[in-house]
Amino acid sequence: MKELLIVLNSHDKMPLYEQIYAYIRQEIREKKIDAGEGLPSSRALSKQLLVSRSTVDLAYEQLVSEGYIESIPCKGYYVCEMEELYQLKLDKQEQPVKDQRTEQRFRFDFAVNGIDPDGFPQNAWRKISKQVLQEGKKELFQLGDSRGEEGLRRGIADYLHYARGMHTTAEQIIVGAGNDYLLMLLSVILGKNTRIAMENPTYRSAWQCFVNLGHECLAVPMDESGMCPMQLESSGADVAYVMPAHQFPMGMVMPMKRRLQLLAWAKAGEGRYIIEDDYDSEFRYKGKPIPALQGYDQQDSVIYLGTFSKAIAPAIRISYMVLPKSLLAAYDRYAHNFSATVSRMDQRIIEIFLRDGYFERHLNKMRALYKSKHDKMLRYLRQMSELCEVSGEHAGVHMLVWLKKGMTEERAVMLAQEAGIRVYPLHAYTEAVSAIQGQAVLLGYATIPEDSIQAAVTSLADAWRT
């Protein structure tokens, strides 16, 4: 049985199960894995690649459905006899199969990341950029405060106070180029021996980041309110990573009772912290916004993560972390020597964008746009009630669609792909043993033009009805 050395990229737009599938398919086509040869069990390969078993299962199921491998009961997966496939020769002008798959173009992509194609505030950004250059501040081209520029940190503190009900000072805020950098910084502050509990299913990028940094990550199941406190307690974790405003990928909004239970868990043990990832809290379409968990923290135990990626653009790469005052000394001791990862020029632009009301006006525009998209997509999805049910709506920029009539995620993804539509299977976001009951896919709507939503959903329904 051959061991597979597959290099996965968690930052690639291609889901991990597709990367595994594409690698094995290419190995078979190039006869690097011979017909009749056995593949590692899904359990063994998931352990080797540090991914969930369901991720490997999805890749194997796709290979089985296309006839590349077969599943032999009580034995495992074996490569099929496909002599005619081995004789295929690529024309010199053709690209390798793997590149063709990677570069596949979809008519509709229900991407869970990204913004509306016309959502970036170009005019305001151009105006402020010109203003900053005309200020002629030469110090902007020198290294600045490793925590971020004080003016920007004050602006963020003010925004968090009136928009998220938080109590913080500029001193507690650290600015960084994306959440990955901030998590790395946090790892230095907390120490490598810190055990981190994450919701299951979870935000894969953060999970993989912590694993790569050497932390023990613990998958804690959720109920309809979010991470289960009893299972969190029994996990032995030191830190709980949660997304109360709109959990990814399940989409629930954590109610107040559960938030208070998590704060009680943090208070009950020495050195316990909660990481609150507030990645898309700006977008809520029903009821009043719920203040951040940090705003209810009386024991200085919540580490808050925020970003401008969802509200402005992913390419901006400006995120921020609010440290509890109890961790400021640890930051000064272990992490103050890290250089700033965001240029002072960009920080100055964001500072003015916040200070002069551009950000608030931009948010109002994007909320109206995304609500209109949300309502339209929800309306057309509900017309597919014989095929699926929707959950996780009313916040964020994605929904969860639960499949009916025995349709599996793998088949839903395959049928959509054959129709030129990209959807995202829920089980690709699970870790360890999943408590998910049912099959579902994620549908994002931020990047789809509003006038294409009806066609996109209707085309998906037609594909699933075949």
Protein backbone atom coordinates (compact mmCIF):
# COMPACT_ATOMS: atom_id res chain seq x y z
CA MET A 1 0.00 0.00 0.00
CA LYS A 2 1.61 3.23 -1.23
CA GLU A 3 2.02 6.21 1.13
CA LEU A 4 0.82 9.41 -0.51
CA LEU A 5 2.85 12.58 -0.02
CA ILE A 6 0.24 15.24 -0.72
CA VAL A 7 1.06 18.89 -0.05
CA LEU A 8 -2.15 20.72 0.84
CA ASN A 9 -2.62 24.48 0.71
CA SER A 10 -5.23 25.66 3.21
CA HIS A 11 -5.20 29.15 1.62
CA ASP A 12 -6.05 27.86 -1.86
CA LYS A 13 -9.56 28.55 -3.14
CA MET A 14 -9.79 24.85 -4.04
CA PRO A 15 -11.26 22.90 -1.07
CA LEU A 16 -8.91 20.41 0.58
CA TYR A 17 -10.89 17.38 -0.56
CA GLU A 18 -10.57 18.57 -4.17
CA GLN A 19 -6.80 18.99 -3.75
CA ILE A 20 -6.56 15.37 -2.50
CA TYR A 21 -8.80 14.16 -5.33
CA ALA A 22 -6.81 16.07 -8.00
CA TYR A 23 -3.46 14.73 -6.71
CA ILE A 24 -4.55 11.06 -6.68
CA ARG A 25 -6.28 11.33 -10.05
CA GLN A 26 -3.14 12.80 -11.59
CA GLU A 27 -0.97 10.05 -10.06
CA ILE A 28 -3.28 7.40 -11.53
CA ARG A 29 -3.40 9.05 -14.97
CA GLU A 30 0.40 9.27 -15.09
CA LYS A 31 0.66 5.61 -13.93
CA LYS A 32 2.59 6.59 -10.81
CA ILE A 33 0.04 4.47 -8.92
CA ASP A 34 -0.49 1.16 -10.70
CA ALA A 35 -3.80 -0.55 -11.36
CA GLY A 36 -4.71 -2.90 -8.52
CA GLU A 37 -2.58 -1.02 -6.01
CA GLY A 38 -4.19 -0.21 -2.66
CA LEU A 39 -4.58 3.31 -1.28
CA PRO A 40 -4.21 4.29 2.39
CA SER A 41 -7.39 4.00 4.44
CA SER A 42 -9.28 7.26 4.90
CA ARG A 43 -8.42 7.14 8.60
CA ALA A 44 -4.68 6.72 7.92
CA LEU A 45 -4.57 9.40 5.22
CA SER A 46 -6.56 11.91 7.32
CA LYS A 47 -4.13 11.37 10.18
CA GLN A 48 -1.13 11.81 7.88
CA LEU A 49 -2.49 15.01 6.26
CA LEU A 50 -3.96 16.45 9.50
CA VAL A 51 -7.41 16.82 7.96
CA SER A 52 -10.77 15.39 8.95
CA ARG A 53 -11.63 11.88 7.83
CA SER A 54 -14.71 13.18 6.04
CA THR A 55 -12.45 15.37 3.86
CA VAL A 56 -10.59 12.27 2.65
CA ASP A 57 -13.89 10.37 2.27
CA LEU A 58 -15.19 13.09 -0.06
CA ALA A 59 -12.06 12.82 -2.23
CA TYR A 60 -12.28 9.01 -2.36
CA GLU A 61 -16.00 9.09 -3.13
CA GLN A 62 -15.36 11.41 -6.07
CA LEU A 63 -12.64 9.08 -7.40
CA VAL A 64 -14.97 6.08 -7.01
CA SER A 65 -17.79 7.85 -8.84
CA GLU A 66 -15.47 8.64 -11.77
CA GLY A 67 -14.14 5.09 -11.91
CA TYR A 68 -10.55 5.77 -10.91
CA ILE A 69 -10.70 3.62 -7.79
CA GLU A 70 -13.04 1.02 -6.32
CA SER A 71 -14.04 0.24 -2.77
CA ILE A 72 -13.69 -3.45 -1.86
CA PRO A 73 -15.61 -4.33 1.33
CA CYS A 74 -13.44 -5.25 4.34
CA LYS A 75 -10.29 -4.50 2.31
CA GLY A 76 -10.18 -0.86 1.26
CA TYR A 77 -9.71 1.28 -1.84
CA TYR A 78 -7.88 -0.02 -4.92
CA VAL A 79 -6.96 1.57 -8.26
CA CYS A 80 -9.11 0.37 -11.15
CA GLU A 81 -7.84 -1.21 -14.40
CA MET A 82 -7.98 1.61 -16.95
CA GLU A 83 -5.47 0.88 -19.72
CA GLU A 84 -7.05 3.24 -22.19
CA LEU A 85 -6.62 6.08 -19.69
CA TYR A 86 -2.89 5.50 -19.42
CA GLN A 87 -2.47 5.80 -23.17
CA LEU A 88 -3.81 9.36 -23.26
CA LYS A 89 -1.13 11.77 -24.36
CA LEU A 90 -1.33 15.45 -23.70
CA ASP A 91 -0.92 17.66 -26.71
CA LYS A 92 1.99 20.09 -26.42
CA GLN A 93 -0.45 22.97 -26.27
CA GLU A 94 -2.48 21.30 -23.52
CA GLN A 95 -1.86 22.06 -19.87
CA PRO A 96 -1.56 19.21 -17.33
CA VAL A 97 -4.83 17.85 -15.97
CA LYS A 98 -4.17 19.30 -12.52
CA ASP A 99 -3.82 22.81 -13.95
CA GLN A 100 -6.99 22.40 -15.97
CA ARG A 101 -8.94 21.49 -12.84
CA THR A 102 -7.40 24.28 -10.79
CA GLU A 103 -8.22 26.82 -13.46
CA GLN A 104 -11.73 25.59 -14.16
CA ARG A 105 -14.08 28.46 -14.70
CA PHE A 106 -17.56 28.33 -13.21
CA ARG A 107 -20.62 30.12 -14.51
CA PHE A 108 -21.65 30.71 -10.92
CA ASP A 109 -19.48 30.44 -7.82
CA PHE A 110 -21.26 30.58 -4.46
CA ALA A 111 -17.96 31.59 -2.84
CA VAL A 112 -17.95 31.99 0.93
CA ASN A 113 -15.09 34.50 0.77
CA GLY A 114 -14.78 37.79 -1.09
CA ILE A 115 -16.90 40.89 -1.56
CA ASP A 116 -19.34 42.23 -4.12
CA PRO A 117 -17.50 42.89 -7.43
CA ASP A 118 -18.44 46.57 -7.25
CA GLY A 119 -18.24 46.82 -3.48
CA PHE A 120 -14.81 48.36 -3.04
CA PRO A 121 -15.05 52.13 -2.27
CA GLN A 122 -12.79 53.17 -5.13
CA ASN A 123 -13.57 56.87 -5.20
CA ALA A 124 -13.15 57.38 -1.46
CA TRP A 125 -9.99 55.26 -1.40
CA ARG A 126 -8.47 57.22 -4.29
CA LYS A 127 -9.33 60.53 -2.65
CA ILE A 128 -7.86 59.57 0.74
CA SER A 129 -4.76 58.03 -0.82
CA LYS A 130 -4.09 61.28 -2.67
CA GLN A 131 -4.70 63.23 0.55
CA VAL A 132 -2.20 61.10 2.47
CA LEU A 133 0.46 61.53 -0.22
CA GLN A 134 -0.09 65.28 -0.27
CA GLU A 135 0.41 65.45 3.48
CA GLY A 136 4.03 64.72 2.75
CA LYS A 137 4.72 63.02 6.06
CA LYS A 138 8.12 61.45 5.51
CA GLU A 139 7.83 59.39 8.69
CA LEU A 140 5.18 57.27 6.97
CA PHE A 141 8.00 55.63 5.04
CA GLN A 142 9.87 54.65 8.21
CA LEU A 143 9.15 51.75 10.55
CA GLY A 144 6.40 52.59 13.00
CA ASP A 145 4.96 51.23 16.23
CA SER A 146 4.87 47.44 16.13
CA ARG A 147 1.32 47.54 17.54
CA GLY A 148 0.14 49.83 14.73
CA GLU A 149 -0.21 53.59 14.39
CA GLU A 150 -1.76 55.19 17.44
CA GLY A 151 -4.24 57.23 15.38
CA LEU A 152 -5.59 54.09 13.73
CA ARG A 153 -5.76 52.21 17.01
CA ARG A 154 -7.73 55.08 18.58
CA GLY A 155 -10.08 55.05 15.60
CA ILE A 156 -10.62 51.30 15.94
CA ALA A 157 -11.25 51.66 19.69
CA ASP A 158 -13.90 54.34 19.03
CA TYR A 159 -15.56 52.22 16.34
CA LEU A 160 -15.65 49.14 18.56
CA HIS A 161 -17.22 51.16 21.36
CA TYR A 162 -20.17 52.57 19.41
CA ALA A 163 -20.64 49.69 16.93
CA ARG A 164 -19.84 46.62 19.04
CA GLY A 165 -20.46 47.79 22.63
CA MET A 166 -16.85 47.16 23.64
CA HIS A 167 -14.70 48.80 26.29
CA THR A 168 -11.13 49.06 25.11
CA THR A 169 -8.24 51.47 24.76
CA ALA A 170 -5.77 52.03 21.94
CA GLU A 171 -3.11 50.44 24.14
CA GLN A 172 -4.89 47.06 23.97
CA ILE A 173 -5.15 47.01 20.16
CA ILE A 174 -2.62 45.29 17.89
CA VAL A 175 -2.87 45.85 14.11
CA GLY A 176 -1.63 43.14 11.73
CA ALA A 177 -1.72 41.98 8.12
CA GLY A 178 -4.51 39.41 8.41
CA ASN A 179 -5.72 37.06 11.12
CA ASP A 180 -2.99 34.49 10.45
CA TYR A 181 -0.32 36.95 11.57
CA LEU A 182 -2.33 37.88 14.67
CA LEU A 183 -2.81 34.22 15.59
CA MET A 184 0.92 33.67 15.24
CA LEU A 185 1.50 36.66 17.53
CA LEU A 186 -1.06 35.30 19.98
CA SER A 187 0.69 31.93 19.97
CA VAL A 188 3.91 33.67 21.06
CA ILE A 189 2.05 35.48 23.84
CA LEU A 190 0.14 32.46 25.16
CA GLY A 191 2.89 29.88 24.67
CA LYS A 192 3.02 26.70 22.56
CA ASN A 193 1.64 24.49 25.36
CA THR A 194 -1.72 26.23 25.27
CA ARG A 195 -4.54 23.83 24.32
CA ILE A 196 -7.12 25.42 22.08
CA ALA A 197 -10.74 24.30 21.75
CA MET A 198 -12.51 25.12 18.50
CA GLU A 199 -16.08 24.66 17.37
CA ASN A 200 -16.80 21.61 15.21
CA PRO A 201 -17.39 22.34 12.31
CA THR A 202 -14.91 25.17 12.40
CA TYR A 203 -12.99 27.86 10.56
CA ARG A 204 -10.37 25.66 8.92
CA SER A 205 -7.79 28.39 8.35
CA ALA A 206 -7.55 29.17 12.07
CA TRP A 207 -7.50 25.46 13.01
CA GLN A 208 -4.66 24.74 10.59
CA CYS A 209 -2.77 27.84 11.68
CA PHE A 210 -2.81 26.74 15.33
CA VAL A 211 -1.84 23.18 14.39
CA ASN A 212 1.07 24.44 12.31
CA LEU A 213 2.20 26.56 15.24
CA GLY A 214 2.40 23.45 17.42
CA HIS A 215 -0.76 23.81 19.49
CA GLU A 216 -3.00 20.94 20.50
CA CYS A 217 -6.38 21.71 18.94
CA LEU A 218 -9.53 20.13 20.34
CA ALA A 219 -12.76 19.82 18.34
CA VAL A 220 -15.72 20.62 20.61
CA PRO A 221 -19.25 19.84 19.35
CA MET A 222 -21.95 22.46 19.03
CA ASP A 223 -25.68 22.58 19.54
CA GLU A 224 -28.12 25.15 18.15
CA SER A 225 -26.58 27.84 20.40
CA GLY A 226 -22.90 27.24 19.62
CA MET A 227 -20.04 25.55 21.46
CA CYS A 228 -21.31 23.25 24.22
CA PRO A 229 -20.02 24.39 27.65
CA MET A 230 -20.01 20.92 29.24
CA GLN A 231 -17.93 19.42 26.43
CA LEU A 232 -15.66 22.46 26.54
CA GLU A 233 -15.06 21.88 30.25
CA SER A 234 -14.32 18.19 29.76
CA SER A 235 -11.94 18.88 26.87
CA GLY A 236 -9.30 20.30 29.20
CA ALA A 237 -8.72 23.29 26.93
CA ASP A 238 -7.07 26.51 28.08
CA VAL A 239 -8.55 28.67 25.32
CA ALA A 240 -11.90 28.54 23.50
CA TYR A 241 -12.07 29.92 19.95
CA VAL A 242 -15.61 30.97 19.05
CA MET A 243 -17.49 33.09 16.48
CA PRO A 244 -20.55 34.40 18.37
CA ALA A 245 -21.80 36.95 15.84
CA HIS A 246 -22.23 34.45 12.98
CA GLN A 247 -20.55 31.08 13.36
CA PHE A 248 -18.68 29.79 10.35
CA PRO A 249 -19.76 27.57 8.71
CA MET A 250 -23.02 26.77 10.57
CA GLY A 251 -24.28 30.35 10.59
CA MET A 252 -25.92 30.49 14.03
CA VAL A 253 -25.86 33.63 16.19
CA MET A 254 -24.85 32.77 19.75
CA PRO A 255 -27.61 33.77 22.23
CA MET A 256 -26.86 35.71 25.37
CA LYS A 257 -27.27 32.73 27.71
CA ARG A 258 -24.55 30.75 25.91
CA ARG A 259 -22.23 33.77 25.88
CA LEU A 260 -22.57 34.10 29.64
CA GLN A 261 -21.93 30.35 30.05
CA LEU A 262 -18.66 30.68 28.13
CA LEU A 263 -17.62 33.65 30.25
CA ALA A 264 -18.39 31.57 33.34
CA TRP A 265 -16.17 28.78 31.96
CA ALA A 266 -13.31 31.26 31.52
CA LYS A 267 -13.77 32.61 35.03
CA ALA A 268 -13.79 29.11 36.59
CA GLY A 269 -10.19 28.28 35.63
CA GLU A 270 -6.92 30.13 36.01
CA GLY A 271 -5.34 31.27 32.77
CA ARG A 272 -8.39 30.54 30.64
CA TYR A 273 -9.22 32.81 27.69
CA ILE A 274 -11.86 33.10 24.98
CA ILE A 275 -10.86 34.14 21.46
CA GLU A 276 -13.80 35.96 19.90
CA ASP A 277 -13.54 35.99 16.11
CA ASP A 278 -15.94 38.73 14.98
CA TYR A 279 -15.16 38.32 11.28
CA ASP A 280 -18.46 39.49 9.70
CA SER A 281 -20.41 41.03 12.56
CA GLU A 282 -21.17 44.12 10.47
CA PHE A 283 -23.82 42.27 8.48
CA ARG A 284 -27.02 41.41 10.31
CA TYR A 285 -30.42 41.59 8.60
CA LYS A 286 -32.95 40.73 11.29
CA GLY A 287 -33.33 42.10 14.81
CA LYS A 288 -30.95 44.36 16.68
CA PRO A 289 -27.19 43.73 16.56
CA ILE A 290 -25.93 41.79 19.59
CA PRO A 291 -22.93 43.47 21.24
CA ALA A 292 -19.60 41.68 21.15
CA LEU A 293 -18.87 39.05 23.79
CA GLN A 294 -15.95 41.22 24.93
CA GLY A 295 -18.43 43.92 25.99
CA TYR A 296 -19.80 41.58 28.69
CA ASP A 297 -16.40 40.43 29.91
CA GLN A 298 -15.93 41.39 33.55
CA GLN A 299 -12.87 39.25 34.28
CA ASP A 300 -10.56 40.38 31.45
CA SER A 301 -10.59 37.03 29.63
CA VAL A 302 -11.73 37.77 26.06
CA ILE A 303 -9.26 38.19 23.19
CA TYR A 304 -11.08 39.92 20.33
CA LEU A 305 -10.25 39.51 16.62
CA GLY A 306 -11.65 41.88 14.01
CA THR A 307 -10.92 42.55 10.35
CA PHE A 308 -11.63 44.99 7.55
CA SER A 309 -11.50 42.17 4.96
CA LYS A 310 -15.24 41.47 4.91
CA ALA A 311 -16.38 45.07 5.19
CA ILE A 312 -13.91 46.66 2.72
CA ALA A 313 -11.90 44.06 0.77
CA PRO A 314 -9.81 40.92 1.47
CA ALA A 315 -6.82 42.46 -0.32
CA ILE A 316 -6.64 45.26 2.26
CA ARG A 317 -5.12 42.69 4.67
CA ILE A 318 -5.70 44.77 7.79
CA SER A 319 -6.95 42.98 10.88
CA TYR A 320 -6.74 43.85 14.54
CA MET A 321 -6.66 42.13 17.91
CA VAL A 322 -7.84 43.50 21.24
CA LEU A 323 -5.83 41.97 24.07
CA PRO A 324 -7.13 41.76 27.64
CA LYS A 325 -5.13 44.06 29.90
CA SER A 326 -3.87 40.95 31.69
CA LEU A 327 -1.94 39.95 28.54
CA LEU A 328 -0.31 43.32 27.78
CA ALA A 329 2.72 42.52 29.91
CA ALA A 330 3.16 39.22 28.06
CA TYR A 331 2.96 41.07 24.75
CA ASP A 332 5.63 43.54 25.85
CA ARG A 333 7.83 40.68 27.06
CA TYR A 334 7.53 38.27 24.12
CA ALA A 335 6.15 40.04 21.05
CA HIS A 336 6.91 43.76 21.12
CA ASN A 337 9.99 43.26 18.92
CA PHE A 338 7.89 42.05 15.96
CA SER A 339 7.86 44.72 13.25
CA ALA A 340 4.57 46.14 12.00
CA THR A 341 3.23 44.09 9.10
CA VAL A 342 0.96 46.80 7.64
CA SER A 343 2.52 49.82 5.93
CA ARG A 344 2.08 53.11 7.74
CA MET A 345 0.65 54.56 4.54
CA ASP A 346 -2.18 52.01 4.48
CA GLN A 347 -2.79 52.48 8.18
CA ARG A 348 -3.12 56.22 7.67
CA ILE A 349 -5.65 55.69 4.87
CA ILE A 350 -7.77 53.42 7.09
CA GLU A 351 -7.49 55.91 9.97
CA ILE A 352 -8.97 58.71 7.84
CA PHE A 353 -11.54 56.29 6.36
CA LEU A 354 -12.75 55.60 9.89
CA ARG A 355 -12.37 59.10 11.34
CA ASP A 356 -14.11 61.08 8.59
CA GLY A 357 -17.22 58.90 8.29
CA TYR A 358 -16.33 57.09 5.05
CA PHE A 359 -16.43 53.70 6.73
CA GLU A 360 -19.88 54.22 8.23
CA ARG A 361 -21.31 55.35 4.89
CA HIS A 362 -19.63 52.43 3.13
CA LEU A 363 -21.05 49.95 5.66
CA ASN A 364 -24.56 51.33 5.24
CA LYS A 365 -24.25 50.88 1.48
CA MET A 366 -22.91 47.32 1.77
CA ARG A 367 -25.51 46.31 4.37
CA ALA A 368 -28.28 47.43 2.03
CA LEU A 369 -26.69 45.62 -0.91
CA TYR A 370 -26.06 42.37 0.96
CA LYS A 371 -29.53 42.43 2.54
CA SER A 372 -31.06 42.76 -0.91
CA LYS A 373 -28.94 39.83 -2.14
CA HIS A 374 -29.74 37.85 1.02
CA ASP A 375 -33.49 38.35 0.63
CA LYS A 376 -33.47 37.50 -3.07
CA MET A 377 -31.39 34.36 -2.61
CA LEU A 378 -33.51 33.21 0.32
CA ARG A 379 -36.67 33.69 -1.72
CA TYR A 380 -35.43 31.52 -4.59
CA LEU A 381 -33.93 28.87 -2.31
CA ARG A 382 -37.28 28.48 -0.56
CA GLN A 383 -38.78 27.63 -3.93
CA MET A 384 -36.54 24.54 -3.83
CA SER A 385 -38.15 23.24 -0.62
CA GLU A 386 -38.52 19.72 -2.04
CA LEU A 387 -34.72 19.62 -2.49
CA CYS A 388 -33.35 21.45 0.53
CA GLU A 389 -33.90 23.54 3.66
CA VAL A 390 -32.03 26.72 4.58
CA SER A 391 -30.40 27.67 7.88
CA GLY A 392 -27.86 30.23 9.05
CA GLU A 393 -29.61 33.09 7.29
CA HIS A 394 -30.24 36.66 8.55
CA ALA A 395 -26.54 37.41 9.14
CA GLY A 396 -23.17 37.28 7.40
CA VAL A 397 -22.83 36.60 3.67
CA HIS A 398 -23.47 32.87 3.37
CA MET A 399 -26.23 30.36 4.06
CA LEU A 400 -26.31 26.66 4.84
CA VAL A 401 -28.46 24.46 2.59
CA TRP A 402 -29.48 21.09 4.03
CA LEU A 403 -30.03 18.48 1.34
CA LYS A 404 -33.13 16.27 1.10
CA LYS A 405 -34.13 13.06 -0.73
CA GLY A 406 -30.97 11.28 0.36
CA MET A 407 -28.67 13.48 -1.71
CA THR A 408 -25.10 13.47 -0.40
CA GLU A 409 -22.78 16.45 -0.31
CA GLU A 410 -20.48 14.70 -2.78
CA ARG A 411 -23.28 14.24 -5.31
CA ALA A 412 -24.58 17.79 -4.78
CA VAL A 413 -21.09 19.18 -5.44
CA MET A 414 -20.59 16.93 -8.49
CA LEU A 415 -23.96 17.76 -10.10
CA ALA A 416 -23.40 21.45 -9.51
CA GLN A 417 -19.89 21.25 -10.96
CA GLU A 418 -21.14 19.49 -14.08
CA ALA A 419 -23.52 22.42 -14.55
CA GLY A 420 -20.70 24.93 -14.13
CA ILE A 421 -21.66 25.88 -10.57
CA ARG A 422 -19.43 25.79 -7.52
CA VAL A 423 -20.80 25.01 -4.05
CA TYR A 424 -18.97 24.08 -0.85
CA PRO A 425 -19.61 20.89 1.21
CA LEU A 426 -20.15 21.34 4.94
CA HIS A 427 -18.09 18.31 5.95
CA ALA A 428 -14.97 19.89 4.47
CA TYR A 429 -15.00 22.14 7.56
CA THR A 430 -15.27 19.41 10.18
CA GLU A 431 -12.44 18.19 12.37
CA ALA A 432 -12.08 14.92 14.32
CA VAL A 433 -15.41 13.16 14.92
CA SER A 434 -18.21 15.24 13.54
CA ALA A 435 -21.49 15.64 15.36
CA ILE A 436 -23.23 16.83 12.18
CA GLN A 437 -26.42 15.01 11.35
CA GLY A 438 -27.32 15.40 7.69
CA GLN A 439 -25.74 16.59 4.47
CA ALA A 440 -25.36 20.26 3.58
CA VAL A 441 -23.51 22.70 1.35
CA LEU A 442 -22.51 26.32 1.91
CA LEU A 443 -23.75 28.99 -0.48
CA GLY A 444 -22.16 32.43 -0.31
CA TYR A 445 -23.70 35.37 -2.12
CA ALA A 446 -21.32 38.31 -1.62
CA THR A 447 -19.42 37.81 -4.88
CA ILE A 448 -22.43 37.01 -7.10
CA PRO A 449 -23.89 40.06 -8.89
CA GLU A 450 -27.41 40.70 -7.64
CA ASP A 451 -28.92 40.41 -11.09
CA SER A 452 -27.39 36.92 -11.44
CA ILE A 453 -28.77 35.43 -8.22
CA GLN A 454 -32.03 34.17 -9.74
CA ALA A 455 -30.20 32.48 -12.62
CA ALA A 456 -27.60 31.01 -10.26
CA VAL A 457 -30.11 29.48 -7.85
CA THR A 458 -32.43 28.32 -10.63
CA SER A 459 -29.52 26.64 -12.44
CA LEU A 460 -28.48 24.93 -9.21
CA ALA A 461 -32.03 23.65 -8.68
CA ASP A 462 -32.11 22.29 -12.25
CA ALA A 463 -28.77 20.53 -11.70
CA TRP A 464 -29.93 18.90 -8.48
CA ARG A 465 -33.19 17.76 -10.02
CA THR A 466 -31.42 15.73 -12.72
